[in-house]
């Protein structure tokens, strides 16, 4: 199972990588920026939980986005809590990236078929929920 999912992930990621390359954005960055936008300002632990990302990986990814001035990380009311929000530059890049993302989505839908894609996504959501205990 692990090998099949990793292989499928690589193939799918290549399509999104190619689509987002003109913007210098990686699919993981797009997804993270989008997750932040939907919840901002969002606490880092909440972001880790909703993206199913371990804290070390999330910290590394956020640091990269902060260096690019796409996100702003501030201390919350509790010094141990960090709150993340998008900068204007981050919001503009995300807005610019949506058509590129849609192009990749459409390509995958055309290759797999709309019905098959929705069925696959539903099954992946179910499996992810069962395996993650959510």
C-alpha atoms as a PDB file:
ATOM      1  CA  UNK A   1       0.000   0.000   0.000  1.00  0.00           C
ATOM      2  CA  UNK A   2       2.759   2.423   0.951  1.00  0.00           C
ATOM      3  CA  UNK A   3       4.585   1.907  -2.335  1.00  0.00           C
ATOM      4  CA  UNK A   4       1.431   2.336  -4.419  1.00  0.00           C
ATOM      5  CA  UNK A   5       0.443   5.545  -2.617  1.00  0.00           C
ATOM      6  CA  UNK A   6       3.970   6.984  -2.847  1.00  0.00           C
ATOM      7  CA  UNK A   7       4.149   6.176  -6.566  1.00  0.00           C
ATOM      8  CA  UNK A   8       0.732   7.758  -7.196  1.00  0.00           C
ATOM      9  CA  UNK A   9       1.800  10.754  -5.106  1.00  0.00           C
ATOM     10  CA  UNK A  10       4.926  11.270  -7.217  1.00  0.00           C
ATOM     11  CA  UNK A  11       2.982  11.131 -10.478  1.00  0.00           C
ATOM     12  CA  UNK A  12       0.276  13.512  -9.252  1.00  0.00           C
ATOM     13  CA  UNK A  13       2.822  15.851  -7.671  1.00  0.00           C
ATOM     14  CA  UNK A  14       4.697  16.113 -10.990  1.00  0.00           C
ATOM     15  CA  UNK A  15       1.546  17.449 -12.639  1.00  0.00           C
ATOM     16  CA  UNK A  16       1.077  20.093  -9.941  1.00  0.00           C
ATOM     17  CA  UNK A  17       4.814  20.896  -9.863  1.00  0.00           C
ATOM     18  CA  UNK A  18       4.745  21.552 -13.599  1.00  0.00           C
ATOM     19  CA  UNK A  19       1.627  23.702 -13.358  1.00  0.00           C
ATOM     20  CA  UNK A  20       2.906  25.861 -10.471  1.00  0.00           C
ATOM     21  CA  UNK A  21       6.538  26.091 -11.627  1.00  0.00           C
ATOM     22  CA  UNK A  22       6.061  29.440 -13.462  1.00  0.00           C
ATOM     23  CA  UNK A  23       5.192  30.995 -10.085  1.00  0.00           C
ATOM     24  CA  UNK A  24       8.056  29.356  -8.211  1.00  0.00           C
ATOM     25  CA  UNK A  25       5.519  27.696  -5.938  1.00  0.00           C
ATOM     26  CA  UNK A  26       5.443  24.065  -4.842  1.00  0.00           C
ATOM     27  CA  UNK A  27       2.199  22.133  -4.400  1.00  0.00           C
ATOM     28  CA  UNK A  28       2.868  21.703  -0.677  1.00  0.00           C
ATOM     29  CA  UNK A  29       3.329  25.467  -0.337  1.00  0.00           C
ATOM     30  CA  UNK A  30       0.110  26.172  -2.234  1.00  0.00           C
ATOM     31  CA  UNK A  31      -1.801  23.770  -0.007  1.00  0.00           C
ATOM     32  CA  UNK A  32      -0.336  25.260   3.162  1.00  0.00           C
ATOM     33  CA  UNK A  33      -1.037  28.843   2.055  1.00  0.00           C
ATOM     34  CA  UNK A  34      -4.597  27.851   1.259  1.00  0.00           C
ATOM     35  CA  UNK A  35      -5.041  26.166   4.651  1.00  0.00           C
ATOM     36  CA  UNK A  36      -3.789  29.328   6.348  1.00  0.00           C
ATOM     37  CA  UNK A  37      -6.102  31.557   4.303  1.00  0.00           C
ATOM     38  CA  UNK A  38      -9.147  29.492   5.271  1.00  0.00           C
ATOM     39  CA  UNK A  39      -8.376  29.795   8.994  1.00  0.00           C
ATOM     40  CA  UNK A  40      -6.313  32.929   9.495  1.00  0.00           C
ATOM     41  CA  UNK A  41      -5.082  33.870  11.846  1.00  0.00           C
ATOM     42  CA  UNK A  42      -4.434  30.250  12.734  1.00  0.00           C
ATOM     43  CA  UNK A  43      -2.496  28.811  15.630  1.00  0.00           C
ATOM     44  CA  UNK A  44       0.434  26.658  14.542  1.00  0.00           C
ATOM     45  CA  UNK A  45      -0.804  23.609  16.446  1.00  0.00           C
ATOM     46  CA  UNK A  46      -4.244  23.907  14.810  1.00  0.00           C
ATOM     47  CA  UNK A  47      -2.600  24.193  11.390  1.00  0.00           C
ATOM     48  CA  UNK A  48      -0.504  21.095  12.098  1.00  0.00           C
ATOM     49  CA  UNK A  49      -3.593  19.179  13.120  1.00  0.00           C
ATOM     50  CA  UNK A  50      -5.791  20.181  10.180  1.00  0.00           C
ATOM     51  CA  UNK A  51      -3.045  19.469   7.627  1.00  0.00           C
ATOM     52  CA  UNK A  52      -1.925  16.278   9.393  1.00  0.00           C
ATOM     53  CA  UNK A  53       1.631  17.631   9.401  1.00  0.00           C
ATOM     54  CA  UNK A  54       4.123  16.973  12.169  1.00  0.00           C
ATOM     55  CA  UNK A  55       5.387  20.064  13.979  1.00  0.00           C
ATOM     56  CA  UNK A  56       8.971  19.783  12.695  1.00  0.00           C
ATOM     57  CA  UNK A  57       7.912  19.622   9.048  1.00  0.00           C
ATOM     58  CA  UNK A  58       5.370  22.403   9.525  1.00  0.00           C
ATOM     59  CA  UNK A  59       7.934  24.640  11.226  1.00  0.00           C
ATOM     60  CA  UNK A  60      10.383  24.089   8.366  1.00  0.00           C
ATOM     61  CA  UNK A  61       7.728  24.808   5.723  1.00  0.00           C
ATOM     62  CA  UNK A  62       6.491  27.904   7.536  1.00  0.00           C
ATOM     63  CA  UNK A  63      10.040  29.218   7.911  1.00  0.00           C
ATOM     64  CA  UNK A  64      10.503  28.969   4.156  1.00  0.00           C
ATOM     65  CA  UNK A  65       7.240  30.810   3.513  1.00  0.00           C
ATOM     66  CA  UNK A  66       8.185  33.453   6.067  1.00  0.00           C
ATOM     67  CA  UNK A  67      11.579  34.004   4.372  1.00  0.00           C
ATOM     68  CA  UNK A  68       9.702  34.544   1.105  1.00  0.00           C
ATOM     69  CA  UNK A  69       7.480  37.050   2.946  1.00  0.00           C
ATOM     70  CA  UNK A  70       4.353  35.045   2.161  1.00  0.00           C
ATOM     71  CA  UNK A  71       3.323  34.444   5.775  1.00  0.00           C
ATOM     72  CA  UNK A  72       3.636  36.331   9.010  1.00  0.00           C
ATOM     73  CA  UNK A  73       4.260  34.420  12.234  1.00  0.00           C
ATOM     74  CA  UNK A  74       3.461  36.196  15.484  1.00  0.00           C
ATOM     75  CA  UNK A  75       3.332  35.193  19.102  1.00  0.00           C
ATOM     76  CA  UNK A  76      -0.167  34.683  20.394  1.00  0.00           C
ATOM     77  CA  UNK A  77      -1.441  35.790  23.780  1.00  0.00           C
ATOM     78  CA  UNK A  78       0.469  32.863  25.265  1.00  0.00           C
ATOM     79  CA  UNK A  79       4.197  33.021  24.441  1.00  0.00           C
ATOM     80  CA  UNK A  80       4.161  29.321  23.551  1.00  0.00           C
ATOM     81  CA  UNK A  81       1.504  29.873  20.889  1.00  0.00           C
ATOM     82  CA  UNK A  82       2.322  31.126  17.398  1.00  0.00           C
ATOM     83  CA  UNK A  83      -0.306  32.562  15.090  1.00  0.00           C
ATOM     84  CA  UNK A  84       0.129  32.474  11.348  1.00  0.00           C
ATOM     85  CA  UNK A  85      -1.487  34.669   8.732  1.00  0.00           C
ATOM     86  CA  UNK A  86      -0.825  35.464   5.099  1.00  0.00           C
ATOM     87  CA  UNK A  87       0.922  38.646   4.082  1.00  0.00           C
ATOM     88  CA  UNK A  88      -0.427  40.739   1.234  1.00  0.00           C
ATOM     89  CA  UNK A  89       2.270  39.196  -0.964  1.00  0.00           C
ATOM     90  CA  UNK A  90       1.120  35.716   0.116  1.00  0.00           C
ATOM     91  CA  UNK A  91      -2.514  36.491  -0.683  1.00  0.00           C
ATOM     92  CA  UNK A  92      -1.569  37.924  -4.080  1.00  0.00           C
ATOM     93  CA  UNK A  93       0.549  34.874  -4.955  1.00  0.00           C
ATOM     94  CA  UNK A  94      -2.209  32.519  -3.877  1.00  0.00           C
ATOM     95  CA  UNK A  95      -4.749  34.411  -5.990  1.00  0.00           C
ATOM     96  CA  UNK A  96      -2.374  34.274  -8.950  1.00  0.00           C
ATOM     97  CA  UNK A  97      -1.778  30.546  -8.377  1.00  0.00           C
ATOM     98  CA  UNK A  98      -5.436  29.441  -8.473  1.00  0.00           C
ATOM     99  CA  UNK A  99      -5.675  29.293 -12.305  1.00  0.00           C
ATOM    100  CA  UNK A 100      -2.455  27.265 -12.451  1.00  0.00           C
ATOM    101  CA  UNK A 101      -3.793  24.908  -9.786  1.00  0.00           C
ATOM    102  CA  UNK A 102      -7.077  24.592 -11.678  1.00  0.00           C
ATOM    103  CA  UNK A 103      -5.132  23.704 -14.830  1.00  0.00           C
ATOM    104  CA  UNK A 104      -3.474  20.817 -12.990  1.00  0.00           C
ATOM    105  CA  UNK A 105      -6.814  19.749 -11.473  1.00  0.00           C
ATOM    106  CA  UNK A 106      -8.427  19.737 -14.911  1.00  0.00           C
ATOM    107  CA  UNK A 107      -5.569  17.719 -16.420  1.00  0.00           C
ATOM    108  CA  UNK A 108      -5.890  15.072 -13.724  1.00  0.00           C
ATOM    109  CA  UNK A 109      -9.659  14.991 -14.090  1.00  0.00           C
ATOM    110  CA  UNK A 110      -9.284  14.485 -17.848  1.00  0.00           C
ATOM    111  CA  UNK A 111      -6.728  11.702 -17.394  1.00  0.00           C
ATOM    112  CA  UNK A 112      -8.624   9.826 -14.684  1.00  0.00           C
ATOM    113  CA  UNK A 113     -12.210  10.730 -15.486  1.00  0.00           C
ATOM    114  CA  UNK A 114     -14.468  12.900 -13.369  1.00  0.00           C
ATOM    115  CA  UNK A 115     -16.454  10.063 -11.775  1.00  0.00           C
ATOM    116  CA  UNK A 116     -13.368   8.015 -11.033  1.00  0.00           C
ATOM    117  CA  UNK A 117     -11.610  11.022  -9.533  1.00  0.00           C
ATOM    118  CA  UNK A 118     -14.497  11.784  -7.155  1.00  0.00           C
ATOM    119  CA  UNK A 119     -14.679   8.115  -6.167  1.00  0.00           C
ATOM    120  CA  UNK A 120     -10.919   8.011  -5.549  1.00  0.00           C
ATOM    121  CA  UNK A 121     -11.031  11.179  -3.437  1.00  0.00           C
ATOM    122  CA  UNK A 122     -13.922   9.836  -1.368  1.00  0.00           C
ATOM    123  CA  UNK A 123     -12.084   6.567  -0.771  1.00  0.00           C
ATOM    124  CA  UNK A 124      -8.848   8.348   0.115  1.00  0.00           C
ATOM    125  CA  UNK A 125     -10.705  10.582   2.600  1.00  0.00           C
ATOM    126  CA  UNK A 126     -12.295   7.526   4.196  1.00  0.00           C
ATOM    127  CA  UNK A 127      -8.976   5.664   4.446  1.00  0.00           C
ATOM    128  CA  UNK A 128      -7.178   8.746   5.788  1.00  0.00           C
ATOM    129  CA  UNK A 129      -9.854   9.168   8.447  1.00  0.00           C
ATOM    130  CA  UNK A 130      -9.643   5.532   9.507  1.00  0.00           C
ATOM    131  CA  UNK A 131      -5.841   5.467   9.620  1.00  0.00           C
ATOM    132  CA  UNK A 132      -5.481   8.795  11.395  1.00  0.00           C
ATOM    133  CA  UNK A 133      -8.267   8.063  13.878  1.00  0.00           C
ATOM    134  CA  UNK A 134     -10.312  11.079  12.783  1.00  0.00           C
END
